[in-house]
Amino acid sequence: MSVNFRTLDLNLLRVFAAVMVERNVTRAASQLAMTQPAVSNALRRLREATGDELFVTVPSGVSPTALAQALWPDVRNALEGLRHAFEPQQFDPTRDERSFTMAMADATAIVLMPAFVAALAAARARTSVRVLALTSRDPRPQLEHGNADVAVGFFPEVAVALAAEGDQSATVLEPLYSCEYVCVMRQDHPLAREPRLTLDAYCAAEHVRVNFAGRPRGFVDEALARAGRERRVALTVNQFATAARVVHDSDMLSVLPRSFVPASGLAAGLAVRRFPGVLPAIEVSLLWHRRHDRDQAQRWLRRSFATSARGLGIGATAAARLAAGRAATPQPAAAMVEAAH
């Protein structure tokens, strides 16, 4: 590829960036306040300048070629640098319009987004927020490619990697709260008659597994394997809400975040029991790319979201430990989860 930089219209790079983020010409045109033909014409000029198609048509929009993917990090960083140089560094959410993209699992979004939306309304913020589904326990590529401004969730492998990289890491992880995985079943399930769920009873049941990250084995399967046990997974879904509904209407069991159960809208019909083994605590964190550290709008987003999330009071408390230790009387899901908060 040989491009004459002196004659290259730098406005074309803004179009390139918008299409890379949106992966859709119509949405990119809307983001840029341009017509779709104008965006298409800009892409044509870029193709002529680079000698590459840059984007190919797919059912959902467009997909970048290998050259486009190779160009994207440098183009994105250059545009970010120019924006920081020319745009005012102050951000007023009541006056400045800004769009943000956040990536998180449905179990996280259903717990945190209502409070965040309320906070935005109270602040009279002129912002728009787009929530994308997480498809990996390592969303760093999404952040690197500019597909999301922040990711929110449980990222244990990322935490280990960032600790090893130290100050050289390209991303930052900020803890928000912690909670635990619990075993959930319908309220009148035969196993709900007992105050304690045994490992034998758990393994003998049929299970719904939530797998949005494409992992062949989840945390539960790994914990069971360490104990020399296994379970029969009858159904695998990619959303916690689907798992909760299936469990509510069947004899299957599922392991879900405790904080998600009351937000599911199904708590009154569910029973919660401690998982009969050892699972990692769920450490929910904010993850972002360091290139956004100086961006005042991004800093406002992270600060506002963290404040609203922590304001919910989710986490390990004395009440939660007391509730987890109760074994004398079976409790419905709603009561147990309320105690945990």
C-alpha atoms as a PDB file:
ATOM      1  CA  MET A   1       0.000   0.000   0.000  1.00  0.00           C
ATOM      2  CA  SER A   2       1.322   3.456  -0.940  1.00  0.00           C
ATOM      3  CA  VAL A   3      -0.730   6.514   0.057  1.00  0.00           C
ATOM      4  CA  ASN A   4       0.217  10.100  -0.696  1.00  0.00           C
ATOM      5  CA  PHE A   5      -0.391  11.602   2.723  1.00  0.00           C
ATOM      6  CA  ARG A   6       0.030  15.176   1.468  1.00  0.00           C
ATOM      7  CA  THR A   7      -3.031  14.855  -0.764  1.00  0.00           C
ATOM      8  CA  LEU A   8      -5.117  12.677   1.605  1.00  0.00           C
ATOM      9  CA  ASP A   9      -8.271  14.402   2.889  1.00  0.00           C
ATOM     10  CA  LEU A  10      -8.046  13.876   6.665  1.00  0.00           C
ATOM     11  CA  ASN A  11     -11.845  14.146   6.932  1.00  0.00           C
ATOM     12  CA  LEU A  12     -11.948  10.712   5.331  1.00  0.00           C
ATOM     13  CA  LEU A  13     -10.305   9.303   8.443  1.00  0.00           C
ATOM     14  CA  ARG A  14     -13.266  10.445  10.574  1.00  0.00           C
ATOM     15  CA  VAL A  15     -15.550   8.515   8.261  1.00  0.00           C
ATOM     16  CA  PHE A  16     -13.245   5.497   8.449  1.00  0.00           C
ATOM     17  CA  ALA A  17     -13.306   5.661  12.267  1.00  0.00           C
ATOM     18  CA  ALA A  18     -17.104   5.914  12.437  1.00  0.00           C
ATOM     19  CA  VAL A  19     -17.582   2.928  10.140  1.00  0.00           C
ATOM     20  CA  MET A  20     -15.009   0.909  12.101  1.00  0.00           C
ATOM     21  CA  VAL A  21     -16.922   1.542  15.329  1.00  0.00           C
ATOM     22  CA  GLU A  22     -20.447   1.139  13.992  1.00  0.00           C
ATOM     23  CA  ARG A  23     -19.737  -1.566  11.370  1.00  0.00           C
ATOM     24  CA  ASN A  24     -22.734  -0.120   9.563  1.00  0.00           C
ATOM     25  CA  VAL A  25     -22.753   2.706   6.989  1.00  0.00           C
ATOM     26  CA  THR A  26     -26.204   4.010   7.959  1.00  0.00           C
ATOM     27  CA  ARG A  27     -25.337   4.230  11.661  1.00  0.00           C
ATOM     28  CA  ALA A  28     -21.966   5.800  10.835  1.00  0.00           C
ATOM     29  CA  ALA A  29     -23.719   8.450   8.734  1.00  0.00           C
ATOM     30  CA  SER A  30     -26.062   9.220  11.634  1.00  0.00           C
ATOM     31  CA  GLN A  31     -23.143   9.522  14.059  1.00  0.00           C
ATOM     32  CA  LEU A  32     -21.329  11.907  11.699  1.00  0.00           C
ATOM     33  CA  ALA A  33     -24.478  13.910  10.811  1.00  0.00           C
ATOM     34  CA  MET A  34     -23.864  13.040   7.159  1.00  0.00           C
ATOM     35  CA  THR A  35     -26.023  11.425   4.511  1.00  0.00           C
ATOM     36  CA  GLN A  36     -25.450   7.773   3.690  1.00  0.00           C
ATOM     37  CA  PRO A  37     -24.413   8.597   0.073  1.00  0.00           C
ATOM     38  CA  ALA A  38     -21.819  11.033   1.442  1.00  0.00           C
ATOM     39  CA  VAL A  39     -20.349   8.339   3.685  1.00  0.00           C
ATOM     40  CA  SER A  40     -20.337   5.863   0.815  1.00  0.00           C
ATOM     41  CA  ASN A  41     -18.552   8.409  -1.370  1.00  0.00           C
ATOM     42  CA  ALA A  42     -15.931   8.986   1.358  1.00  0.00           C
ATOM     43  CA  LEU A  43     -15.334   5.249   1.588  1.00  0.00           C
ATOM     44  CA  ARG A  44     -14.932   5.101  -2.195  1.00  0.00           C
ATOM     45  CA  ARG A  45     -12.252   7.791  -2.028  1.00  0.00           C
ATOM     46  CA  LEU A  46     -10.482   5.899   0.777  1.00  0.00           C
ATOM     47  CA  ARG A  47     -10.557   2.710  -1.280  1.00  0.00           C
ATOM     48  CA  GLU A  48      -8.977   4.563  -4.176  1.00  0.00           C
ATOM     49  CA  ALA A  49      -6.316   6.052  -1.903  1.00  0.00           C
ATOM     50  CA  THR A  50      -5.391   2.757  -0.234  1.00  0.00           C
ATOM     51  CA  GLY A  51      -5.992   0.349  -3.088  1.00  0.00           C
ATOM     52  CA  ASP A  52      -8.011  -1.848  -0.717  1.00  0.00           C
ATOM     53  CA  GLU A  53     -11.729  -2.524  -0.250  1.00  0.00           C
ATOM     54  CA  LEU A  54     -11.364  -1.686   3.495  1.00  0.00           C
ATOM     55  CA  PHE A  55     -14.917  -2.948   4.211  1.00  0.00           C
ATOM     56  CA  VAL A  56     -16.931  -5.824   2.791  1.00  0.00           C
ATOM     57  CA  THR A  57     -20.682  -6.168   2.987  1.00  0.00           C
ATOM     58  CA  VAL A  58     -22.115  -8.658   5.511  1.00  0.00           C
ATOM     59  CA  PRO A  59     -25.733  -9.267   6.603  1.00  0.00           C
ATOM     60  CA  SER A  60     -25.395  -6.994   9.665  1.00  0.00           C
ATOM     61  CA  GLY A  61     -23.627  -4.168   7.799  1.00  0.00           C
ATOM     62  CA  VAL A  62     -19.934  -4.151   6.888  1.00  0.00           C
ATOM     63  CA  SER A  63     -16.841  -5.988   8.103  1.00  0.00           C
ATOM     64  CA  PRO A  64     -13.299  -4.530   7.965  1.00  0.00           C
ATOM     65  CA  THR A  65     -10.637  -6.112   5.813  1.00  0.00           C
ATOM     66  CA  ALA A  66      -7.237  -7.097   7.183  1.00  0.00           C
ATOM     67  CA  LEU A  67      -5.771  -3.762   6.044  1.00  0.00           C
ATOM     68  CA  ALA A  68      -8.550  -1.783   7.737  1.00  0.00           C
ATOM     69  CA  GLN A  69      -7.927  -3.657  10.977  1.00  0.00           C
ATOM     70  CA  ALA A  70      -4.199  -2.961  10.699  1.00  0.00           C
ATOM     71  CA  LEU A  71      -4.789   0.769  10.090  1.00  0.00           C
ATOM     72  CA  TRP A  72      -7.393   1.176  12.823  1.00  0.00           C
ATOM     73  CA  PRO A  73      -5.188   1.433  15.978  1.00  0.00           C
ATOM     74  CA  ASP A  74      -3.003   4.196  14.501  1.00  0.00           C
ATOM     75  CA  VAL A  75      -5.934   6.083  12.972  1.00  0.00           C
ATOM     76  CA  ARG A  76      -7.947   5.890  16.189  1.00  0.00           C
ATOM     77  CA  ASN A  77      -5.052   7.059  18.363  1.00  0.00           C
ATOM     78  CA  ALA A  78      -4.273   9.928  15.972  1.00  0.00           C
ATOM     79  CA  LEU A  79      -7.898  11.127  15.986  1.00  0.00           C
ATOM     80  CA  GLU A  80      -8.065  10.834  19.773  1.00  0.00           C
ATOM     81  CA  GLY A  81      -4.921  12.950  20.059  1.00  0.00           C
ATOM     82  CA  LEU A  82      -6.330  15.613  17.743  1.00  0.00           C
ATOM     83  CA  ARG A  83      -9.620  15.682  19.625  1.00  0.00           C
ATOM     84  CA  HIS A  84      -7.819  16.184  22.927  1.00  0.00           C
ATOM     85  CA  ALA A  85      -5.771  18.987  21.370  1.00  0.00           C
ATOM     86  CA  PHE A  86      -8.655  20.932  19.847  1.00  0.00           C
ATOM     87  CA  GLU A  87     -11.748  20.180  21.926  1.00  0.00           C
ATOM     88  CA  PRO A  88     -12.359  21.958  25.236  1.00  0.00           C
ATOM     89  CA  GLN A  89     -11.100  19.832  28.115  1.00  0.00           C
ATOM     90  CA  GLN A  90     -14.063  20.695  30.321  1.00  0.00           C
ATOM     91  CA  PHE A  91     -17.216  18.608  30.025  1.00  0.00           C
ATOM     92  CA  ASP A  92     -20.640  19.809  31.114  1.00  0.00           C
ATOM     93  CA  PRO A  93     -23.145  16.918  30.945  1.00  0.00           C
ATOM     94  CA  THR A  94     -26.074  19.372  31.059  1.00  0.00           C
ATOM     95  CA  ARG A  95     -24.818  21.182  27.966  1.00  0.00           C
ATOM     96  CA  ASP A  96     -22.485  18.915  25.986  1.00  0.00           C
ATOM     97  CA  GLU A  97     -24.015  16.096  23.963  1.00  0.00           C
ATOM     98  CA  ARG A  98     -22.009  12.887  24.008  1.00  0.00           C
ATOM     99  CA  SER A  99     -22.712   9.238  23.197  1.00  0.00           C
ATOM    100  CA  PHE A 100     -21.154   6.402  25.175  1.00  0.00           C
ATOM    101  CA  THR A 101     -21.022   2.661  24.575  1.00  0.00           C
ATOM    102  CA  MET A 102     -20.843   0.260  27.515  1.00  0.00           C
ATOM    103  CA  ALA A 103     -20.392  -3.525  27.362  1.00  0.00           C
ATOM    104  CA  MET A 104     -21.832  -5.758  30.075  1.00  0.00           C
ATOM    105  CA  ALA A 105     -23.726  -9.009  30.628  1.00  0.00           C
ATOM    106  CA  ASP A 106     -27.495  -8.891  31.052  1.00  0.00           C
ATOM    107  CA  ALA A 107     -27.229  -9.855  34.736  1.00  0.00           C
ATOM    108  CA  THR A 108     -25.050  -6.796  35.328  1.00  0.00           C
ATOM    109  CA  ALA A 109     -27.117  -4.443  33.194  1.00  0.00           C
ATOM    110  CA  ILE A 110     -30.426  -5.356  34.828  1.00  0.00           C
ATOM    111  CA  VAL A 111     -28.955  -4.606  38.263  1.00  0.00           C
ATOM    112  CA  LEU A 112     -26.978  -1.444  37.500  1.00  0.00           C
ATOM    113  CA  MET A 113     -28.558   0.357  34.553  1.00  0.00           C
ATOM    114  CA  PRO A 114     -31.849   1.471  36.206  1.00  0.00           C
ATOM    115  CA  ALA A 115     -29.913   3.331  38.915  1.00  0.00           C
ATOM    116  CA  PHE A 116     -27.538   4.810  36.347  1.00  0.00           C
ATOM    117  CA  VAL A 117     -30.411   6.000  34.148  1.00  0.00           C
ATOM    118  CA  ALA A 118     -31.992   7.616  37.213  1.00  0.00           C
ATOM    119  CA  ALA A 119     -28.679   9.343  37.981  1.00  0.00           C
ATOM    120  CA  LEU A 120     -28.450  10.649  34.403  1.00  0.00           C
ATOM    121  CA  ALA A 121     -31.989  11.996  34.627  1.00  0.00           C
ATOM    122  CA  ALA A 122     -31.278  13.671  37.985  1.00  0.00           C
ATOM    123  CA  ALA A 123     -28.164  15.279  36.506  1.00  0.00           C
ATOM    124  CA  ARG A 124     -30.137  16.425  33.422  1.00  0.00           C
ATOM    125  CA  ALA A 125     -27.364  14.922  31.331  1.00  0.00           C
ATOM    126  CA  ARG A 126     -27.588  15.400  27.562  1.00  0.00           C
ATOM    127  CA  THR A 127     -25.915  12.055  26.939  1.00  0.00           C
ATOM    128  CA  SER A 128     -26.981   8.851  25.249  1.00  0.00           C
ATOM    129  CA  VAL A 129     -25.787   5.410  26.318  1.00  0.00           C
ATOM    130  CA  ARG A 130     -25.676   2.262  24.239  1.00  0.00           C
ATOM    131  CA  VAL A 131     -25.275  -1.072  26.052  1.00  0.00           C
ATOM    132  CA  LEU A 132     -23.657  -3.963  24.188  1.00  0.00           C
ATOM    133  CA  ALA A 133     -23.727  -7.581  25.328  1.00  0.00           C
ATOM    134  CA  LEU A 134     -20.480  -9.044  26.595  1.00  0.00           C
ATOM    135  CA  THR A 135     -19.289 -11.963  24.510  1.00  0.00           C
ATOM    136  CA  SER A 136     -16.072 -12.650  26.394  1.00  0.00           C
ATOM    137  CA  ARG A 137     -14.592 -12.625  29.888  1.00  0.00           C
ATOM    138  CA  ASP A 138     -11.781 -10.604  28.329  1.00  0.00           C
ATOM    139  CA  PRO A 139     -13.291  -7.525  26.652  1.00  0.00           C
ATOM    140  CA  ARG A 140      -9.946  -5.791  26.130  1.00  0.00           C
ATOM    141  CA  PRO A 141     -10.138  -6.289  22.324  1.00  0.00           C
ATOM    142  CA  GLN A 142     -13.527  -4.503  22.311  1.00  0.00           C
ATOM    143  CA  LEU A 143     -11.958  -1.566  24.138  1.00  0.00           C
ATOM    144  CA  GLU A 144      -8.815  -1.614  22.007  1.00  0.00           C
ATOM    145  CA  HIS A 145     -10.830  -1.551  18.778  1.00  0.00           C
ATOM    146  CA  GLY A 146     -13.064   1.259  20.040  1.00  0.00           C
ATOM    147  CA  ASN A 147     -16.221  -0.844  20.035  1.00  0.00           C
ATOM    148  CA  ALA A 148     -16.928   0.125  23.655  1.00  0.00           C
ATOM    149  CA  ASP A 149     -15.853   2.949  25.943  1.00  0.00           C
ATOM    150  CA  VAL A 150     -16.017   0.855  29.110  1.00  0.00           C
ATOM    151  CA  ALA A 151     -16.795  -2.744  30.030  1.00  0.00           C
ATOM    152  CA  VAL A 152     -18.466  -3.735  33.280  1.00  0.00           C
ATOM    153  CA  GLY A 153     -18.348  -7.229  34.734  1.00  0.00           C
ATOM    154  CA  PHE A 154     -16.346 -10.030  36.319  1.00  0.00           C
ATOM    155  CA  PHE A 155     -12.992 -10.320  34.552  1.00  0.00           C
ATOM    156  CA  PRO A 156     -10.734 -12.577  36.666  1.00  0.00           C
ATOM    157  CA  GLU A 157      -8.232 -13.405  33.918  1.00  0.00           C
ATOM    158  CA  VAL A 158      -7.932  -9.731  32.980  1.00  0.00           C
ATOM    159  CA  ALA A 159      -7.249  -8.828  36.614  1.00  0.00           C
ATOM    160  CA  VAL A 160      -4.376 -11.334  36.753  1.00  0.00           C
ATOM    161  CA  ALA A 161      -2.932 -10.056  33.468  1.00  0.00           C
ATOM    162  CA  LEU A 162      -3.113  -6.396  34.508  1.00  0.00           C
ATOM    163  CA  ALA A 163      -1.486  -7.142  37.849  1.00  0.00           C
ATOM    164  CA  ALA A 164       1.421  -8.756  36.001  1.00  0.00           C
ATOM    165  CA  GLU A 165       1.723  -5.886  33.501  1.00  0.00           C
ATOM    166  CA  GLY A 166       1.604  -3.173  36.163  1.00  0.00           C
ATOM    167  CA  ASP A 167       1.861   0.398  34.881  1.00  0.00           C
ATOM    168  CA  GLN A 168       2.619  -0.894  31.383  1.00  0.00           C
ATOM    169  CA  SER A 169      -0.925  -2.226  30.915  1.00  0.00           C
ATOM    170  CA  ALA A 170      -3.058  -0.568  28.251  1.00  0.00           C
ATOM    171  CA  THR A 171      -6.257  -0.942  30.283  1.00  0.00           C
ATOM    172  CA  VAL A 172      -7.378  -0.023  33.792  1.00  0.00           C
ATOM    173  CA  LEU A 173      -9.589  -2.083  36.124  1.00  0.00           C
ATOM    174  CA  GLU A 174     -11.558  -0.363  38.910  1.00  0.00           C
ATOM    175  CA  PRO A 175     -13.482  -2.582  41.402  1.00  0.00           C
ATOM    176  CA  LEU A 176     -17.124  -1.666  41.994  1.00  0.00           C
ATOM    177  CA  TYR A 177     -18.554  -4.349  44.301  1.00  0.00           C
ATOM    178  CA  SER A 178     -18.467  -8.043  45.062  1.00  0.00           C
ATOM    179  CA  CYS A 179     -21.179 -10.639  45.421  1.00  0.00           C
ATOM    180  CA  GLU A 180     -21.479 -14.412  45.209  1.00  0.00           C
ATOM    181  CA  TYR A 181     -22.845 -17.152  43.008  1.00  0.00           C
ATOM    182  CA  VAL A 182     -25.832 -19.029  44.401  1.00  0.00           C
ATOM    183  CA  CYS A 183     -27.819 -22.049  43.286  1.00  0.00           C
ATOM    184  CA  VAL A 184     -31.348 -21.191  42.140  1.00  0.00           C
ATOM    185  CA  MET A 185     -34.392 -23.394  41.617  1.00  0.00           C
ATOM    186  CA  ARG A 186     -38.158 -22.937  41.450  1.00  0.00           C
ATOM    187  CA  GLN A 187     -39.827 -22.285  44.802  1.00  0.00           C
ATOM    188  CA  ASP A 188     -41.699 -25.626  44.882  1.00  0.00           C
ATOM    189  CA  HIS A 189     -38.784 -27.711  43.592  1.00  0.00           C
ATOM    190  CA  PRO A 190     -38.349 -30.966  45.578  1.00  0.00           C
ATOM    191  CA  LEU A 191     -34.821 -29.874  46.547  1.00  0.00           C
ATOM    192  CA  ALA A 192     -36.193 -26.598  47.945  1.00  0.00           C
ATOM    193  CA  ARG A 193     -37.820 -28.545  50.797  1.00  0.00           C
ATOM    194  CA  GLU A 194     -34.411 -29.015  52.373  1.00  0.00           C
ATOM    195  CA  PRO A 195     -32.602 -26.088  54.016  1.00  0.00           C
ATOM    196  CA  ARG A 196     -29.248 -27.250  52.645  1.00  0.00           C
ATOM    197  CA  LEU A 197     -28.380 -28.419  49.150  1.00  0.00           C
ATOM    198  CA  THR A 198     -25.960 -31.347  49.179  1.00  0.00           C
ATOM    199  CA  LEU A 199     -23.349 -31.968  46.515  1.00  0.00           C
ATOM    200  CA  ASP A 200     -24.913 -35.343  45.676  1.00  0.00           C
ATOM    201  CA  ALA A 201     -28.342 -33.788  45.182  1.00  0.00           C
ATOM    202  CA  TYR A 202     -26.871 -30.964  43.134  1.00  0.00           C
ATOM    203  CA  CYS A 203     -24.986 -33.293  40.788  1.00  0.00           C
ATOM    204  CA  ALA A 204     -28.010 -35.562  40.376  1.00  0.00           C
ATOM    205  CA  ALA A 205     -30.190 -32.705  39.094  1.00  0.00           C
ATOM    206  CA  GLU A 206     -30.351 -31.310  35.563  1.00  0.00           C
ATOM    207  CA  HIS A 207     -28.827 -27.885  34.983  1.00  0.00           C
ATOM    208  CA  VAL A 208     -29.022 -24.725  32.911  1.00  0.00           C
ATOM    209  CA  ARG A 209     -25.594 -23.248  32.240  1.00  0.00           C
ATOM    210  CA  VAL A 210     -25.063 -19.621  31.262  1.00  0.00           C
ATOM    211  CA  ASN A 211     -22.231 -19.298  28.768  1.00  0.00           C
ATOM    212  CA  PHE A 212     -21.878 -15.945  27.003  1.00  0.00           C
ATOM    213  CA  ALA A 213     -18.095 -16.097  26.761  1.00  0.00           C
ATOM    214  CA  GLY A 214     -17.721 -19.242  24.647  1.00  0.00           C
ATOM    215  CA  ARG A 215     -15.818 -21.089  27.356  1.00  0.00           C
ATOM    216  CA  PRO A 216     -16.041 -24.905  27.056  1.00  0.00           C
ATOM    217  CA  ARG A 217     -16.282 -25.153  30.869  1.00  0.00           C
ATOM    218  CA  GLY A 218     -17.492 -22.549  33.316  1.00  0.00           C
ATOM    219  CA  PHE A 219     -16.546 -21.761  36.908  1.00  0.00           C
ATOM    220  CA  VAL A 220     -19.041 -24.311  38.238  1.00  0.00           C
ATOM    221  CA  ASP A 221     -17.749 -27.157  36.059  1.00  0.00           C
ATOM    222  CA  GLU A 222     -14.168 -26.355  37.065  1.00  0.00           C
ATOM    223  CA  ALA A 223     -15.111 -26.382  40.766  1.00  0.00           C
ATOM    224  CA  LEU A 224     -16.881 -29.724  40.389  1.00  0.00           C
ATOM    225  CA  ALA A 225     -13.935 -31.193  38.475  1.00  0.00           C
ATOM    226  CA  ARG A 226     -11.597 -30.258  41.335  1.00  0.00           C
ATOM    227  CA  ALA A 227     -13.882 -32.260  43.623  1.00  0.00           C
ATOM    228  CA  GLY A 228     -13.933 -35.193  41.200  1.00  0.00           C
ATOM    229  CA  ARG A 229     -17.588 -34.584  40.333  1.00  0.00           C
ATOM    230  CA  GLU A 230     -19.609 -33.442  37.347  1.00  0.00           C
ATOM    231  CA  ARG A 231     -23.124 -32.307  36.563  1.00  0.00           C
ATOM    232  CA  ARG A 232     -25.470 -32.908  33.653  1.00  0.00           C
ATOM    233  CA  VAL A 233     -26.021 -29.716  31.693  1.00  0.00           C
ATOM    234  CA  ALA A 234     -29.315 -30.104  29.852  1.00  0.00           C
ATOM    235  CA  LEU A 235     -29.405 -26.573  28.459  1.00  0.00           C
ATOM    236  CA  THR A 236     -26.806 -23.884  27.732  1.00  0.00           C
ATOM    237  CA  VAL A 237     -27.962 -20.295  27.178  1.00  0.00           C
ATOM    238  CA  ASN A 238     -26.173 -16.999  26.673  1.00  0.00           C
ATOM    239  CA  GLN A 239     -28.248 -14.862  29.051  1.00  0.00           C
ATOM    240  CA  PHE A 240     -28.847 -15.025  32.786  1.00  0.00           C
ATOM    241  CA  ALA A 241     -32.443 -13.849  32.298  1.00  0.00           C
ATOM    242  CA  THR A 242     -33.161 -16.866  30.102  1.00  0.00           C
ATOM    243  CA  ALA A 243     -31.676 -19.205  32.704  1.00  0.00           C
ATOM    244  CA  ALA A 244     -33.807 -17.673  35.466  1.00  0.00           C
ATOM    245  CA  ARG A 245     -37.007 -18.076  33.441  1.00  0.00           C
ATOM    246  CA  VAL A 246     -36.222 -21.682  32.508  1.00  0.00           C
ATOM    247  CA  VAL A 247     -35.452 -22.558  36.137  1.00  0.00           C
ATOM    248  CA  HIS A 248     -38.641 -20.828  37.268  1.00  0.00           C
ATOM    249  CA  ASP A 249     -40.705 -23.024  34.919  1.00  0.00           C
ATOM    250  CA  SER A 250     -38.887 -26.375  35.204  1.00  0.00           C
ATOM    251  CA  ASP A 251     -37.085 -28.807  37.510  1.00  0.00           C
ATOM    252  CA  MET A 252     -33.669 -27.563  36.380  1.00  0.00           C
ATOM    253  CA  LEU A 253     -31.147 -25.764  38.572  1.00  0.00           C
ATOM    254  CA  SER A 254     -28.855 -22.891  37.682  1.00  0.00           C
ATOM    255  CA  VAL A 255     -26.038 -20.959  39.322  1.00  0.00           C
ATOM    256  CA  LEU A 256     -26.620 -17.192  39.140  1.00  0.00           C
ATOM    257  CA  PRO A 257     -25.185 -14.038  40.753  1.00  0.00           C
ATOM    258  CA  ARG A 258     -27.021 -13.369  44.017  1.00  0.00           C
ATOM    259  CA  SER A 259     -27.479  -9.708  43.116  1.00  0.00           C
ATOM    260  CA  PHE A 260     -29.275 -10.668  39.905  1.00  0.00           C
ATOM    261  CA  VAL A 261     -32.077 -12.723  41.506  1.00  0.00           C
ATOM    262  CA  PRO A 262     -34.209  -9.862  42.919  1.00  0.00           C
ATOM    263  CA  ALA A 263     -33.710  -7.828  39.728  1.00  0.00           C
ATOM    264  CA  SER A 264     -34.916 -10.720  37.558  1.00  0.00           C
ATOM    265  CA  GLY A 265     -38.572 -10.099  38.412  1.00  0.00           C
ATOM    266  CA  LEU A 266     -38.911 -13.794  39.295  1.00  0.00           C
ATOM    267  CA  ALA A 267     -37.595 -13.819  42.874  1.00  0.00           C
ATOM    268  CA  ALA A 268     -40.964 -14.626  44.453  1.00  0.00           C
ATOM    269  CA  GLY A 269     -41.065 -17.899  42.529  1.00  0.00           C
ATOM    270  CA  LEU A 270     -37.460 -18.907  43.121  1.00  0.00           C
ATOM    271  CA  ALA A 271     -35.591 -20.536  45.991  1.00  0.00           C
ATOM    272  CA  VAL A 272     -31.923 -19.781  46.651  1.00  0.00           C
ATOM    273  CA  ARG A 273     -29.406 -22.147  48.223  1.00  0.00           C
ATOM    274  CA  ARG A 274     -25.690 -21.902  48.808  1.00  0.00           C
ATOM    275  CA  PHE A 275     -23.659 -23.708  46.189  1.00  0.00           C
ATOM    276  CA  PRO A 276     -22.377 -26.985  47.732  1.00  0.00           C
ATOM    277  CA  GLY A 277     -18.750 -26.253  46.915  1.00  0.00           C
ATOM    278  CA  VAL A 278     -16.236 -23.463  46.487  1.00  0.00           C
ATOM    279  CA  LEU A 279     -16.753 -20.854  43.764  1.00  0.00           C
ATOM    280  CA  PRO A 280     -14.833 -17.609  43.236  1.00  0.00           C
ATOM    281  CA  ALA A 281     -16.409 -14.428  44.525  1.00  0.00           C
ATOM    282  CA  ILE A 282     -17.833 -12.237  41.786  1.00  0.00           C
ATOM    283  CA  GLU A 283     -15.726  -9.084  41.667  1.00  0.00           C
ATOM    284  CA  VAL A 284     -17.580  -6.666  39.394  1.00  0.00           C
ATOM    285  CA  SER A 285     -15.319  -3.960  37.962  1.00  0.00           C
ATOM    286  CA  LEU A 286     -15.103  -1.154  35.433  1.00  0.00           C
ATOM    287  CA  LEU A 287     -12.577  -1.708  32.657  1.00  0.00           C
ATOM    288  CA  TRP A 288     -11.389   0.960  30.227  1.00  0.00           C
ATOM    289  CA  HIS A 289      -8.521   1.791  27.884  1.00  0.00           C
ATOM    290  CA  ARG A 290      -5.856   4.211  29.120  1.00  0.00           C
ATOM    291  CA  ARG A 291      -6.247   6.414  26.074  1.00  0.00           C
ATOM    292  CA  HIS A 292      -9.478   7.670  27.711  1.00  0.00           C
ATOM    293  CA  ASP A 293      -7.764   8.691  30.955  1.00  0.00           C
ATOM    294  CA  ARG A 294      -7.578  12.383  30.013  1.00  0.00           C
ATOM    295  CA  ASP A 295     -10.992  12.561  28.341  1.00  0.00           C
ATOM    296  CA  GLN A 296     -13.170  14.612  30.696  1.00  0.00           C
ATOM    297  CA  ALA A 297     -16.410  13.157  29.308  1.00  0.00           C
ATOM    298  CA  GLN A 298     -15.146   9.614  29.763  1.00  0.00           C
ATOM    299  CA  ARG A 299     -13.994  10.423  33.293  1.00  0.00           C
ATOM    300  CA  TRP A 300     -17.433  11.821  34.054  1.00  0.00           C
ATOM    301  CA  LEU A 301     -19.040   8.644  32.677  1.00  0.00           C
ATOM    302  CA  ARG A 302     -16.886   6.365  34.810  1.00  0.00           C
ATOM    303  CA  ARG A 303     -17.307   8.466  37.939  1.00  0.00           C
ATOM    304  CA  SER A 304     -21.085   8.737  37.540  1.00  0.00           C
ATOM    305  CA  PHE A 305     -21.528   5.040  36.827  1.00  0.00           C
ATOM    306  CA  ALA A 306     -19.317   3.966  39.729  1.00  0.00           C
ATOM    307  CA  THR A 307     -21.165   6.272  42.129  1.00  0.00           C
ATOM    308  CA  SER A 308     -24.589   4.953  41.114  1.00  0.00           C
ATOM    309  CA  ALA A 309     -23.392   1.320  41.281  1.00  0.00           C
ATOM    310  CA  ARG A 310     -21.842   1.661  44.729  1.00  0.00           C
ATOM    311  CA  GLY A 311     -24.923   3.518  45.921  1.00  0.00           C
ATOM    312  CA  LEU A 312     -26.935   0.314  45.536  1.00  0.00           C
ATOM    313  CA  GLY A 313     -25.090  -1.188  48.523  1.00  0.00           C
ATOM    314  CA  ILE A 314     -24.330  -4.491  46.816  1.00  0.00           C
ATOM    315  CA  GLY A 315     -21.580  -6.507  48.469  1.00  0.00           C
ATOM    316  CA  ALA A 316     -20.570  -8.787  51.296  1.00  0.00           C
ATOM    317  CA  THR A 317     -22.071  -7.445  54.513  1.00  0.00           C
ATOM    318  CA  ALA A 318     -22.697  -8.807  57.975  1.00  0.00           C
ATOM    319  CA  ALA A 319     -26.331  -9.358  57.015  1.00  0.00           C
ATOM    320  CA  ALA A 320     -25.246 -11.370  53.980  1.00  0.00           C
ATOM    321  CA  ARG A 321     -22.962 -13.608  56.037  1.00  0.00           C
ATOM    322  CA  LEU A 322     -25.730 -14.137  58.579  1.00  0.00           C
ATOM    323  CA  ALA A 323     -28.239 -15.019  55.842  1.00  0.00           C
ATOM    324  CA  ALA A 324     -25.778 -17.384  54.175  1.00  0.00           C
ATOM    325  CA  GLY A 325     -25.259 -19.195  57.447  1.00  0.00           C
ATOM    326  CA  ARG A 326     -28.929 -19.813  58.156  1.00  0.00           C
ATOM    327  CA  ALA A 327     -29.735 -23.474  57.723  1.00  0.00           C
ATOM    328  CA  ALA A 328     -32.626 -23.971  60.061  1.00  0.00           C
ATOM    329  CA  THR A 329     -35.419 -22.534  57.943  1.00  0.00           C
ATOM    330  CA  PRO A 330     -35.746 -22.566  54.152  1.00  0.00           C
ATOM    331  CA  GLN A 331     -36.263 -19.073  52.730  1.00  0.00           C
ATOM    332  CA  PRO A 332     -37.681 -17.858  49.441  1.00  0.00           C
ATOM    333  CA  ALA A 333     -35.288 -16.179  47.067  1.00  0.00           C
ATOM    334  CA  ALA A 334     -36.653 -12.708  47.706  1.00  0.00           C
ATOM    335  CA  ALA A 335     -36.017 -12.938  51.450  1.00  0.00           C
ATOM    336  CA  MET A 336     -32.514 -14.390  51.106  1.00  0.00           C
ATOM    337  CA  VAL A 337     -31.398 -11.836  48.577  1.00  0.00           C
ATOM    338  CA  GLU A 338     -32.801  -8.956  50.608  1.00  0.00           C
ATOM    339  CA  ALA A 339     -30.773 -10.184  53.580  1.00  0.00           C
ATOM    340  CA  ALA A 340     -27.667 -10.327  51.419  1.00  0.00           C
ATOM    341  CA  HIS A 341     -27.890  -6.634  50.695  1.00  0.00           C
END
